[in-house]
Full PDB file with SEQRES, HELIX, SHEET, SSBOND, CRYST1, ORIGX, SCALE, CONECT and MASTER records, all heavy atoms in Angstrom:
SEQRES   1 A   40  VAL LYS LEU TYR ALA VAL LEU GLN ILE GLY ARG PHE ALA          
SEQRES   2 A   40  GLU LYS GLU LEU ASP TYR PRO VAL GLY ALA HIS VAL GLY          
SEQRES   3 A   40  ASP VAL VAL LYS ASP LEU ALA LEU PRO ALA GLU HIS VAL          
SEQRES   4 A   40  ASP                                                          
HELIX    1 AA1 ALA A    5  GLN A    8  5                                   4    
HELIX    2 AA2 VAL A   25  ASP A   31  1                                   7    
HELIX    3 AA3 ALA A   36  HIS A   38  5                                   3    
CRYST1    1.000    1.000    1.000  90.00  90.00  90.00 P 1           1          
ORIGX1      1.000000  0.000000  0.000000        0.00000                         
ORIGX2      0.000000  1.000000  0.000000        0.00000                         
ORIGX3      0.000000  0.000000  1.000000        0.00000                         
SCALE1      1.000000  0.000000  0.000000        0.00000                         
SCALE2      0.000000  1.000000  0.000000        0.00000                         
SCALE3      0.000000  0.000000  1.000000        0.00000                         
ATOM      1  N   VAL A   1      11.504 -17.899  10.495  1.00  0.00           N  
ATOM      2  CA  VAL A   1      12.072 -19.181  10.089  1.00  0.00           C  
ATOM      3  C   VAL A   1      11.266 -19.796   8.984  1.00  0.00           C  
ATOM      4  O   VAL A   1      10.036 -19.869   9.106  1.00  0.00           O  
ATOM      5  CB  VAL A   1      12.156 -20.205  11.293  1.00  0.00           C  
ATOM      6  CG1 VAL A   1      12.741 -21.494  10.818  1.00  0.00           C  
ATOM      7  CG2 VAL A   1      12.976 -19.604  12.423  1.00  0.00           C  
ATOM      8  N   LYS A   2      11.891 -20.175   7.919  1.00  0.00           N  
ATOM      9  CA  LYS A   2      11.225 -20.879   6.783  1.00  0.00           C  
ATOM     10  C   LYS A   2      11.781 -22.282   6.629  1.00  0.00           C  
ATOM     11  O   LYS A   2      13.031 -22.424   6.573  1.00  0.00           O  
ATOM     12  CB  LYS A   2      11.449 -20.107   5.421  1.00  0.00           C  
ATOM     13  CG  LYS A   2      10.857 -18.749   5.496  1.00  0.00           C  
ATOM     14  CD  LYS A   2      11.011 -18.053   4.165  1.00  0.00           C  
ATOM     15  CE  LYS A   2      10.389 -16.666   4.106  1.00  0.00           C  
ATOM     16  NZ  LYS A   2      10.515 -16.087   2.776  1.00  0.00           N  
ATOM     17  N   LEU A   3      10.911 -23.243   6.613  1.00  0.00           N  
ATOM     18  CA  LEU A   3      11.355 -24.649   6.447  1.00  0.00           C  
ATOM     19  C   LEU A   3      10.824 -25.078   5.085  1.00  0.00           C  
ATOM     20  O   LEU A   3       9.783 -24.673   4.613  1.00  0.00           O  
ATOM     21  CB  LEU A   3      10.628 -25.490   7.503  1.00  0.00           C  
ATOM     22  CG  LEU A   3      10.927 -25.172   8.986  1.00  0.00           C  
ATOM     23  CD1 LEU A   3      10.193 -26.097   9.900  1.00  0.00           C  
ATOM     24  CD2 LEU A   3      12.445 -25.246   9.291  1.00  0.00           C  
ATOM     25  N   TYR A   4      11.677 -25.910   4.460  1.00  0.00           N  
ATOM     26  CA  TYR A   4      11.378 -26.394   3.137  1.00  0.00           C  
ATOM     27  C   TYR A   4      11.357 -27.896   3.024  1.00  0.00           C  
ATOM     28  O   TYR A   4      11.986 -28.555   3.864  1.00  0.00           O  
ATOM     29  CB  TYR A   4      12.397 -25.852   2.160  1.00  0.00           C  
ATOM     30  CG  TYR A   4      12.318 -24.353   1.992  1.00  0.00           C  
ATOM     31  CD1 TYR A   4      12.933 -23.487   2.827  1.00  0.00           C  
ATOM     32  CD2 TYR A   4      11.552 -23.857   0.962  1.00  0.00           C  
ATOM     33  CE1 TYR A   4      12.882 -22.133   2.661  1.00  0.00           C  
ATOM     34  CE2 TYR A   4      11.460 -22.506   0.771  1.00  0.00           C  
ATOM     35  CZ  TYR A   4      12.093 -21.631   1.611  1.00  0.00           C  
ATOM     36  OH  TYR A   4      11.953 -20.238   1.445  1.00  0.00           O  
ATOM     37  N   ALA A   5      10.582 -28.413   2.111  1.00  0.00           N  
ATOM     38  CA  ALA A   5      10.471 -29.856   1.737  1.00  0.00           C  
ATOM     39  C   ALA A   5      10.205 -30.690   3.010  1.00  0.00           C  
ATOM     40  O   ALA A   5       9.259 -30.303   3.787  1.00  0.00           O  
ATOM     41  CB  ALA A   5      11.787 -30.321   1.020  1.00  0.00           C  
ATOM     42  N   VAL A   6      10.875 -31.750   3.219  1.00  0.00           N  
ATOM     43  CA  VAL A   6      10.580 -32.677   4.327  1.00  0.00           C  
ATOM     44  C   VAL A   6      10.713 -32.082   5.698  1.00  0.00           C  
ATOM     45  O   VAL A   6      10.120 -32.624   6.641  1.00  0.00           O  
ATOM     46  CB  VAL A   6      11.466 -34.028   4.202  1.00  0.00           C  
ATOM     47  CG1 VAL A   6      11.204 -34.750   2.943  1.00  0.00           C  
ATOM     48  CG2 VAL A   6      12.933 -33.649   4.379  1.00  0.00           C  
ATOM     49  N   LEU A   7      11.416 -30.941   5.799  1.00  0.00           N  
ATOM     50  CA  LEU A   7      11.544 -30.296   7.114  1.00  0.00           C  
ATOM     51  C   LEU A   7      10.244 -29.748   7.629  1.00  0.00           C  
ATOM     52  O   LEU A   7      10.053 -29.457   8.793  1.00  0.00           O  
ATOM     53  CB  LEU A   7      12.617 -29.236   7.070  1.00  0.00           C  
ATOM     54  CG  LEU A   7      14.069 -29.680   6.778  1.00  0.00           C  
ATOM     55  CD1 LEU A   7      15.036 -28.554   6.653  1.00  0.00           C  
ATOM     56  CD2 LEU A   7      14.502 -30.745   7.767  1.00  0.00           C  
ATOM     57  N   GLN A   8       9.293 -29.530   6.704  1.00  0.00           N  
ATOM     58  CA  GLN A   8       7.962 -28.991   6.997  1.00  0.00           C  
ATOM     59  C   GLN A   8       7.040 -30.026   7.663  1.00  0.00           C  
ATOM     60  O   GLN A   8       6.107 -29.663   8.345  1.00  0.00           O  
ATOM     61  CB  GLN A   8       7.274 -28.406   5.820  1.00  0.00           C  
ATOM     62  CG  GLN A   8       7.875 -27.175   5.281  1.00  0.00           C  
ATOM     63  CD  GLN A   8       7.106 -26.743   3.990  1.00  0.00           C  
ATOM     64  OE1 GLN A   8       6.132 -27.291   3.557  1.00  0.00           O  
ATOM     65  NE2 GLN A   8       7.590 -25.604   3.457  1.00  0.00           N  
ATOM     66  N   ILE A   9       7.289 -31.289   7.393  1.00  0.00           N  
ATOM     67  CA  ILE A   9       6.397 -32.385   7.791  1.00  0.00           C  
ATOM     68  C   ILE A   9       6.204 -32.319   9.293  1.00  0.00           C  
ATOM     69  O   ILE A   9       7.150 -32.489  10.111  1.00  0.00           O  
ATOM     70  CB  ILE A   9       6.918 -33.751   7.377  1.00  0.00           C  
ATOM     71  CG1 ILE A   9       6.935 -33.765   5.868  1.00  0.00           C  
ATOM     72  CG2 ILE A   9       6.016 -34.905   7.891  1.00  0.00           C  
ATOM     73  CD1 ILE A   9       7.636 -35.003   5.271  1.00  0.00           C  
ATOM     74  N   GLY A  10       4.909 -32.107   9.726  1.00  0.00           N  
ATOM     75  CA  GLY A  10       4.583 -32.083  11.158  1.00  0.00           C  
ATOM     76  C   GLY A  10       5.047 -30.742  11.884  1.00  0.00           C  
ATOM     77  O   GLY A  10       4.959 -30.612  13.056  1.00  0.00           O  
ATOM     78  N   ARG A  11       5.473 -29.769  11.075  1.00  0.00           N  
ATOM     79  CA  ARG A  11       5.940 -28.523  11.628  1.00  0.00           C  
ATOM     80  C   ARG A  11       5.220 -27.363  10.998  1.00  0.00           C  
ATOM     81  O   ARG A  11       4.012 -27.219  11.151  1.00  0.00           O  
ATOM     82  CB  ARG A  11       7.464 -28.391  11.401  1.00  0.00           C  
ATOM     83  CG  ARG A  11       8.245 -29.434  12.241  1.00  0.00           C  
ATOM     84  CD  ARG A  11       9.764 -29.295  12.039  1.00  0.00           C  
ATOM     85  NE  ARG A  11      10.421 -30.343  12.734  1.00  0.00           N  
ATOM     86  CZ  ARG A  11      10.767 -31.509  12.143  1.00  0.00           C  
ATOM     87  NH1 ARG A  11      10.408 -31.782  10.920  1.00  0.00           N  
ATOM     88  NH2 ARG A  11      11.419 -32.446  12.850  1.00  0.00           N  
ATOM     89  N   PHE A  12       5.874 -26.506  10.268  1.00  0.00           N  
ATOM     90  CA  PHE A  12       5.344 -25.360   9.589  1.00  0.00           C  
ATOM     91  C   PHE A  12       6.123 -24.970   8.346  1.00  0.00           C  
ATOM     92  O   PHE A  12       7.287 -25.484   8.199  1.00  0.00           O  
ATOM     93  CB  PHE A  12       5.331 -24.166  10.580  1.00  0.00           C  
ATOM     94  CG  PHE A  12       6.641 -23.833  11.133  1.00  0.00           C  
ATOM     95  CD1 PHE A  12       7.468 -23.010  10.516  1.00  0.00           C  
ATOM     96  CD2 PHE A  12       7.083 -24.431  12.330  1.00  0.00           C  
ATOM     97  CE1 PHE A  12       8.738 -22.644  11.026  1.00  0.00           C  
ATOM     98  CE2 PHE A  12       8.304 -24.120  12.901  1.00  0.00           C  
ATOM     99  CZ  PHE A  12       9.152 -23.235  12.227  1.00  0.00           C  
ATOM    100  N   ALA A  13       5.621 -24.112   7.542  1.00  0.00           N  
ATOM    101  CA  ALA A  13       6.372 -23.643   6.390  1.00  0.00           C  
ATOM    102  C   ALA A  13       7.139 -22.348   6.748  1.00  0.00           C  
ATOM    103  O   ALA A  13       8.283 -22.222   6.372  1.00  0.00           O  
ATOM    104  CB  ALA A  13       5.443 -23.380   5.198  1.00  0.00           C  
ATOM    105  N   GLU A  14       6.435 -21.447   7.493  1.00  0.00           N  
ATOM    106  CA  GLU A  14       7.031 -20.168   7.870  1.00  0.00           C  
ATOM    107  C   GLU A  14       6.438 -19.764   9.219  1.00  0.00           C  
ATOM    108  O   GLU A  14       5.220 -19.874   9.401  1.00  0.00           O  
ATOM    109  CB  GLU A  14       6.762 -19.175   6.782  1.00  0.00           C  
ATOM    110  CG  GLU A  14       7.378 -17.782   7.071  1.00  0.00           C  
ATOM    111  CD  GLU A  14       7.197 -16.781   5.980  1.00  0.00           C  
ATOM    112  OE1 GLU A  14       7.119 -17.231   4.780  1.00  0.00           O  
ATOM    113  OE2 GLU A  14       7.083 -15.631   6.209  1.00  0.00           O  
ATOM    114  N   LYS A  15       7.316 -19.244  10.081  1.00  0.00           N  
ATOM    115  CA  LYS A  15       6.891 -18.830  11.375  1.00  0.00           C  
ATOM    116  C   LYS A  15       7.777 -17.775  11.963  1.00  0.00           C  
ATOM    117  O   LYS A  15       8.997 -17.901  11.792  1.00  0.00           O  
ATOM    118  CB  LYS A  15       6.878 -20.053  12.304  1.00  0.00           C  
ATOM    119  CG  LYS A  15       6.122 -19.866  13.596  1.00  0.00           C  
ATOM    120  CD  LYS A  15       6.079 -21.273  14.297  1.00  0.00           C  
ATOM    121  CE  LYS A  15       5.085 -21.206  15.417  1.00  0.00           C  
ATOM    122  NZ  LYS A  15       4.976 -22.539  16.086  1.00  0.00           N  
ATOM    123  N   GLU A  16       7.196 -16.813  12.659  1.00  0.00           N  
ATOM    124  CA  GLU A  16       8.024 -15.819  13.363  1.00  0.00           C  
ATOM    125  C   GLU A  16       8.264 -16.295  14.758  1.00  0.00           C  
ATOM    126  O   GLU A  16       7.271 -16.724  15.461  1.00  0.00           O  
ATOM    127  CB  GLU A  16       7.323 -14.436  13.394  1.00  0.00           C  
ATOM    128  CG  GLU A  16       8.200 -13.335  13.944  1.00  0.00           C  
ATOM    129  CD  GLU A  16       7.606 -12.009  13.857  1.00  0.00           C  
ATOM    130  OE1 GLU A  16       6.776 -11.665  14.726  1.00  0.00           O  
ATOM    131  OE2 GLU A  16       7.889 -11.285  12.837  1.00  0.00           O  
ATOM    132  N   LEU A  17       9.546 -16.320  15.192  1.00  0.00           N  
ATOM    133  CA  LEU A  17       9.905 -16.833  16.520  1.00  0.00           C  
ATOM    134  C   LEU A  17      10.704 -15.792  17.274  1.00  0.00           C  
ATOM    135  O   LEU A  17      11.424 -14.958  16.713  1.00  0.00           O  
ATOM    136  CB  LEU A  17      10.728 -18.103  16.381  1.00  0.00           C  
ATOM    137  CG  LEU A  17      10.074 -19.336  15.699  1.00  0.00           C  
ATOM    138  CD1 LEU A  17      11.072 -20.385  15.458  1.00  0.00           C  
ATOM    139  CD2 LEU A  17       8.904 -19.810  16.434  1.00  0.00           C  
ATOM    140  N   ASP A  18      10.611 -15.857  18.568  1.00  0.00           N  
ATOM    141  CA  ASP A  18      11.452 -14.988  19.471  1.00  0.00           C  
ATOM    142  C   ASP A  18      12.667 -15.746  19.934  1.00  0.00           C  
ATOM    143  O   ASP A  18      12.495 -16.871  20.386  1.00  0.00           O  
ATOM    144  CB  ASP A  18      10.610 -14.598  20.667  1.00  0.00           C  
ATOM    145  CG  ASP A  18       9.532 -13.498  20.359  1.00  0.00           C  
ATOM    146  OD1 ASP A  18       9.901 -12.539  19.642  1.00  0.00           O  
ATOM    147  OD2 ASP A  18       8.424 -13.619  20.796  1.00  0.00           O  
ATOM    148  N   TYR A  19      13.802 -15.093  19.860  1.00  0.00           N  
ATOM    149  CA  TYR A  19      15.061 -15.644  20.353  1.00  0.00           C  
ATOM    150  C   TYR A  19      15.803 -14.551  21.127  1.00  0.00           C  
ATOM    151  O   TYR A  19      15.727 -13.371  20.830  1.00  0.00           O  
ATOM    152  CB  TYR A  19      15.904 -16.174  19.245  1.00  0.00           C  
ATOM    153  CG  TYR A  19      15.603 -17.600  18.932  1.00  0.00           C  
ATOM    154  CD1 TYR A  19      14.572 -17.961  18.089  1.00  0.00           C  
ATOM    155  CD2 TYR A  19      16.275 -18.649  19.556  1.00  0.00           C  
ATOM    156  CE1 TYR A  19      14.190 -19.268  17.872  1.00  0.00           C  
ATOM    157  CE2 TYR A  19      15.927 -19.950  19.295  1.00  0.00           C  
ATOM    158  CZ  TYR A  19      14.937 -20.268  18.498  1.00  0.00           C  
ATOM    159  OH  TYR A  19      14.577 -21.568  18.230  1.00  0.00           O  
ATOM    160  N   PRO A  20      16.616 -14.944  22.071  1.00  0.00           N  
ATOM    161  CA  PRO A  20      17.432 -13.939  22.846  1.00  0.00           C  
ATOM    162  C   PRO A  20      18.577 -13.437  21.945  1.00  0.00           C  
ATOM    163  O   PRO A  20      19.012 -14.168  21.031  1.00  0.00           O  
ATOM    164  CB  PRO A  20      17.930 -14.737  24.021  1.00  0.00           C  
ATOM    165  CG  PRO A  20      17.951 -16.149  23.558  1.00  0.00           C  
ATOM    166  CD  PRO A  20      16.800 -16.267  22.627  1.00  0.00           C  
ATOM    167  N   VAL A  21      18.985 -12.294  22.220  1.00  0.00           N  
ATOM    168  CA  VAL A  21      20.185 -11.693  21.516  1.00  0.00           C  
ATOM    169  C   VAL A  21      21.345 -12.691  21.779  1.00  0.00           C  
ATOM    170  O   VAL A  21      21.554 -13.177  22.834  1.00  0.00           O  
ATOM    171  CB  VAL A  21      20.498 -10.304  22.039  1.00  0.00           C  
ATOM    172  CG1 VAL A  21      21.786  -9.761  21.510  1.00  0.00           C  
ATOM    173  CG2 VAL A  21      19.316  -9.336  21.738  1.00  0.00           C  
ATOM    174  N   GLY A  22      22.068 -12.915  20.743  1.00  0.00           N  
ATOM    175  CA  GLY A  22      23.249 -13.831  20.795  1.00  0.00           C  
ATOM    176  C   GLY A  22      22.878 -15.206  20.352  1.00  0.00           C  
ATOM    177  O   GLY A  22      23.752 -16.155  20.382  1.00  0.00           O  
ATOM    178  N   ALA A  23      21.684 -15.483  19.927  1.00  0.00           N  
ATOM    179  CA  ALA A  23      21.300 -16.833  19.363  1.00  0.00           C  
ATOM    180  C   ALA A  23      22.045 -17.137  18.088  1.00  0.00           C  
ATOM    181  O   ALA A  23      22.259 -16.213  17.272  1.00  0.00           O  
ATOM    182  CB  ALA A  23      19.782 -16.937  19.259  1.00  0.00           C  
ATOM    183  N   HIS A  24      22.329 -18.383  17.888  1.00  0.00           N  
ATOM    184  CA  HIS A  24      22.979 -18.864  16.635  1.00  0.00           C  
ATOM    185  C   HIS A  24      21.969 -19.660  15.830  1.00  0.00           C  
ATOM    186  O   HIS A  24      20.953 -20.142  16.347  1.00  0.00           O  
ATOM    187  CB  HIS A  24      24.197 -19.787  17.017  1.00  0.00           C  
ATOM    188  CG  HIS A  24      25.265 -19.097  17.701  1.00  0.00           C  
ATOM    189  ND1 HIS A  24      25.279 -18.882  19.073  1.00  0.00           N  
ATOM    190  CD2 HIS A  24      26.381 -18.505  17.216  1.00  0.00           C  
ATOM    191  CE1 HIS A  24      26.376 -18.295  19.355  1.00  0.00           C  
ATOM    192  NE2 HIS A  24      27.049 -18.031  18.337  1.00  0.00           N  
ATOM    193  N   VAL A  25      22.315 -19.803  14.555  1.00  0.00           N  
ATOM    194  CA  VAL A  25      21.497 -20.669  13.671  1.00  0.00           C  
ATOM    195  C   VAL A  25      21.325 -22.025  14.239  1.00  0.00           C  
ATOM    196  O   VAL A  25      20.250 -22.628  14.255  1.00  0.00           O  
ATOM    197  CB  VAL A  25      22.134 -20.715  12.294  1.00  0.00           C  
ATOM    198  CG1 VAL A  25      21.474 -21.778  11.426  1.00  0.00           C  
ATOM    199  CG2 VAL A  25      22.118 -19.371  11.610  1.00  0.00           C  
ATOM    200  N   GLY A  26      22.367 -22.599  14.817  1.00  0.00           N  
ATOM    201  CA  GLY A  26      22.336 -23.982  15.426  1.00  0.00           C  
ATOM    202  C   GLY A  26      21.351 -24.038  16.589  1.00  0.00           C  
ATOM    203  O   GLY A  26      20.740 -25.117  16.783  1.00  0.00           O  
ATOM    204  N   ASP A  27      21.140 -22.988  17.271  1.00  0.00           N  
ATOM    205  CA  ASP A  27      20.184 -22.934  18.393  1.00  0.00           C  
ATOM    206  C   ASP A  27      18.737 -23.172  17.856  1.00  0.00           C  
ATOM    207  O   ASP A  27      17.968 -23.925  18.437  1.00  0.00           O  
ATOM    208  CB  ASP A  27      20.187 -21.607  19.128  1.00  0.00           C  
ATOM    209  CG  ASP A  27      21.602 -21.367  19.785  1.00  0.00           C  
ATOM    210  OD1 ASP A  27      22.274 -22.323  20.187  1.00  0.00           O  
ATOM    211  OD2 ASP A  27      21.932 -20.156  19.927  1.00  0.00           O  
ATOM    212  N   VAL A  28      18.489 -22.599  16.747  1.00  0.00           N  
ATOM    213  CA  VAL A  28      17.096 -22.732  16.134  1.00  0.00           C  
ATOM    214  C   VAL A  28      16.909 -24.143  15.620  1.00  0.00           C  
ATOM    215  O   VAL A  28      15.885 -24.814  15.888  1.00  0.00           O  
ATOM    216  CB  VAL A  28      16.920 -21.758  15.009  1.00  0.00           C  
ATOM    217  CG1 VAL A  28      15.542 -21.948  14.384  1.00  0.00           C  
ATOM    218  CG2 VAL A  28      17.100 -20.300  15.494  1.00  0.00           C  
ATOM    219  N   VAL A  29      17.962 -24.700  14.954  1.00  0.00           N  
ATOM    220  CA  VAL A  29      17.826 -26.119  14.473  1.00  0.00           C  
ATOM    221  C   VAL A  29      17.603 -26.990  15.624  1.00  0.00           C  
ATOM    222  O   VAL A  29      16.708 -27.935  15.607  1.00  0.00           O  
ATOM    223  CB  VAL A  29      19.123 -26.491  13.701  1.00  0.00           C  
ATOM    224  CG1 VAL A  29      19.112 -27.944  13.383  1.00  0.00           C  
ATOM    225  CG2 VAL A  29      19.313 -25.617  12.437  1.00  0.00           C  
ATOM    226  N   LYS A  30      18.310 -26.821  16.718  1.00  0.00           N  
ATOM    227  CA  LYS A  30      18.190 -27.700  17.945  1.00  0.00           C  
ATOM    228  C   LYS A  30      16.819 -27.505  18.579  1.00  0.00           C  
ATOM    229  O   LYS A  30      16.127 -28.472  18.908  1.00  0.00           O  
ATOM    230  CB  LYS A  30      19.256 -27.340  18.927  1.00  0.00           C  
ATOM    231  CG  LYS A  30      19.185 -28.196  20.212  1.00  0.00           C  
ATOM    232  CD  LYS A  30      20.356 -27.837  21.131  1.00  0.00           C  
ATOM    233  CE  LYS A  30      20.186 -28.500  22.496  1.00  0.00           C  
ATOM    234  NZ  LYS A  30      21.110 -28.008  23.445  1.00  0.00           N  
ATOM    235  N   ASP A  31      16.349 -26.230  18.731  1.00  0.00           N  
ATOM    236  CA  ASP A  31      15.113 -26.005  19.395  1.00  0.00           C  
ATOM    237  C   ASP A  31      13.927 -26.572  18.628  1.00  0.00           C  
ATOM    238  O   ASP A  31      12.890 -26.967  19.228  1.00  0.00           O  
ATOM    239  CB  ASP A  31      14.898 -24.484  19.588  1.00  0.00           C  
ATOM    240  CG  ASP A  31      15.848 -23.943  20.659  1.00  0.00           C  
ATOM    241  OD1 ASP A  31      16.431 -24.712  21.417  1.00  0.00           O  
ATOM    242  OD2 ASP A  31      15.904 -22.691  20.746  1.00  0.00           O  
ATOM    243  N   LEU A  32      14.023 -26.553  17.275  1.00  0.00           N  
ATOM    244  CA  LEU A  32      12.912 -27.140  16.472  1.00  0.00           C  
ATOM    245  C   LEU A  32      13.018 -28.631  16.357  1.00  0.00           C  
ATOM    246  O   LEU A  32      12.148 -29.201  15.696  1.00  0.00           O  
ATOM    247  CB  LEU A  32      12.980 -26.517  15.067  1.00  0.00           C  
ATOM    248  CG  LEU A  32      12.702 -25.012  15.024  1.00  0.00           C  
ATOM    249  CD1 LEU A  32      12.864 -24.489  13.605  1.00  0.00           C  
ATOM    250  CD2 LEU A  32      11.296 -24.759  15.563  1.00  0.00           C  
ATOM    251  N   ALA A  33      13.971 -29.242  17.002  1.00  0.00           N  
ATOM    252  CA  ALA A  33      14.219 -30.732  16.962  1.00  0.00           C  
ATOM    253  C   ALA A  33      14.272 -31.266  15.566  1.00  0.00           C  
ATOM    254  O   ALA A  33      13.724 -32.270  15.265  1.00  0.00           O  
ATOM    255  CB  ALA A  33      13.090 -31.402  17.773  1.00  0.00           C  
ATOM    256  N   LEU A  34      14.953 -30.481  14.725  1.00  0.00           N  
ATOM    257  CA  LEU A  34      15.166 -30.928  13.355  1.00  0.00           C  
ATOM    258  C   LEU A  34      16.335 -31.885  13.304  1.00  0.00           C  
ATOM    259  O   LEU A  34      17.403 -31.659  13.988  1.00  0.00           O  
ATOM    260  CB  LEU A  34      15.519 -29.753  12.439  1.00  0.00           C  
ATOM    261  CG  LEU A  34      14.377 -28.703  12.315  1.00  0.00           C  
ATOM    262  CD1 LEU A  34      14.943 -27.431  11.611  1.00  0.00           C  
ATOM    263  CD2 LEU A  34      13.212 -29.226  11.565  1.00  0.00           C  
ATOM    264  N   PRO A  35      16.186 -33.003  12.606  1.00  0.00           N  
ATOM    265  CA  PRO A  35      17.358 -33.945  12.491  1.00  0.00           C  
ATOM    266  C   PRO A  35      18.521 -33.282  11.869  1.00  0.00           C  
ATOM    267  O   PRO A  35      18.392 -32.858  10.667  1.00  0.00           O  
ATOM    268  CB  PRO A  35      16.815 -35.050  11.624  1.00  0.00           C  
ATOM    269  CG  PRO A  35      15.323 -34.843  11.494  1.00  0.00           C  
ATOM    270  CD  PRO A  35      15.037 -33.417  11.818  1.00  0.00           C  
ATOM    271  N   ALA A  36      19.618 -33.133  12.587  1.00  0.00           N  
ATOM    272  CA  ALA A  36      20.786 -32.384  12.026  1.00  0.00           C  
ATOM    273  C   ALA A  36      21.196 -32.930  10.705  1.00  0.00           C  
ATOM    274  O   ALA A  36      21.661 -32.136   9.858  1.00  0.00           O  
ATOM    275  CB  ALA A  36      21.839 -32.403  13.083  1.00  0.00           C  
ATOM    276  N   GLU A  37      21.100 -34.207  10.509  1.00  0.00           N  
ATOM    277  CA  GLU A  37      21.661 -34.799   9.216  1.00  0.00           C  
ATOM    278  C   GLU A  37      20.717 -34.411   8.082  1.00  0.00           C  
ATOM    279  O   GLU A  37      21.107 -34.599   6.896  1.00  0.00           O  
ATOM    280  CB  GLU A  37      21.749 -36.295   9.374  1.00  0.00           C  
ATOM    281  CG  GLU A  37      20.474 -37.056   9.516  1.00  0.00           C  
ATOM    282  CD  GLU A  37      19.995 -37.191  10.931  1.00  0.00           C  
ATOM    283  OE1 GLU A  37      20.545 -36.542  11.868  1.00  0.00           O  
ATOM    284  OE2 GLU A  37      19.048 -37.900  11.239  1.00  0.00           O  
ATOM    285  N   HIS A  38      19.531 -33.923   8.289  1.00  0.00           N  
ATOM    286  CA  HIS A  38      18.621 -33.542   7.228  1.00  0.00           C  
ATOM    287  C   HIS A  38      18.674 -32.078   6.876  1.00  0.00           C  
ATOM    288  O   HIS A  38      18.153 -31.599   5.876  1.00  0.00           O  
ATOM    289  CB  HIS A  38      17.223 -33.912   7.506  1.00  0.00           C  
ATOM    290  CG  HIS A  38      16.961 -35.355   7.549  1.00  0.00           C  
ATOM    291  ND1 HIS A  38      16.089 -35.983   8.454  1.00  0.00           N  
ATOM    292  CD2 HIS A  38      17.531 -36.392   6.831  1.00  0.00           C  
ATOM    293  CE1 HIS A  38      16.127 -37.258   8.228  1.00  0.00           C  
ATOM    294  NE2 HIS A  38      16.984 -37.551   7.284  1.00  0.00           N  
ATOM    295  N   VAL A  39      19.285 -31.283   7.722  1.00  0.00           N  
ATOM    296  CA  VAL A  39      19.380 -29.807   7.474  1.00  0.00           C  
ATOM    297  C   VAL A  39      20.769 -29.520   6.876  1.00  0.00           C  
ATOM    298  O   VAL A  39      21.758 -29.486   7.582  1.00  0.00           O  
ATOM    299  CB  VAL A  39      19.239 -29.007   8.827  1.00  0.00           C  
ATOM    300  CG1 VAL A  39      19.317 -27.514   8.560  1.00  0.00           C  
ATOM    301  CG2 VAL A  39      17.949 -29.356   9.561  1.00  0.00           C  
ATOM    302  N   ASP A  40      20.790 -29.395   5.552  1.00  0.00           N  
ATOM    303  CA  ASP A  40      22.067 -29.271   4.830  1.00  0.00           C  
ATOM    304  C   ASP A  40      22.340 -27.831   4.280  1.00  0.00           C  
ATOM    305  O   ASP A  40      23.468 -27.480   4.142  1.00  0.00           O  
ATOM    306  CB  ASP A  40      22.113 -30.216   3.666  1.00  0.00           C  
ATOM    307  CG  ASP A  40      22.126 -31.665   4.110  1.00  0.00           C  
ATOM    308  OD1 ASP A  40      22.987 -32.024   4.955  1.00  0.00           O  
ATOM    309  OD2 ASP A  40      21.307 -32.465   3.669  1.00  0.00           O  
TER     310      ASP A  40                                                      
MASTER        0    0    0    3    0    0    0    6  309    1    0    4          
END                                                                             
């Protein structure tokens, strides 16, 4: 997962994460507690 600009604040720029088979992009956004309105 690579985060850019303001999404990095208090988080990370790049990180390898484990997810179960069948995971969706939205699952990652939710798990990282990213404000949905800022992820465009």
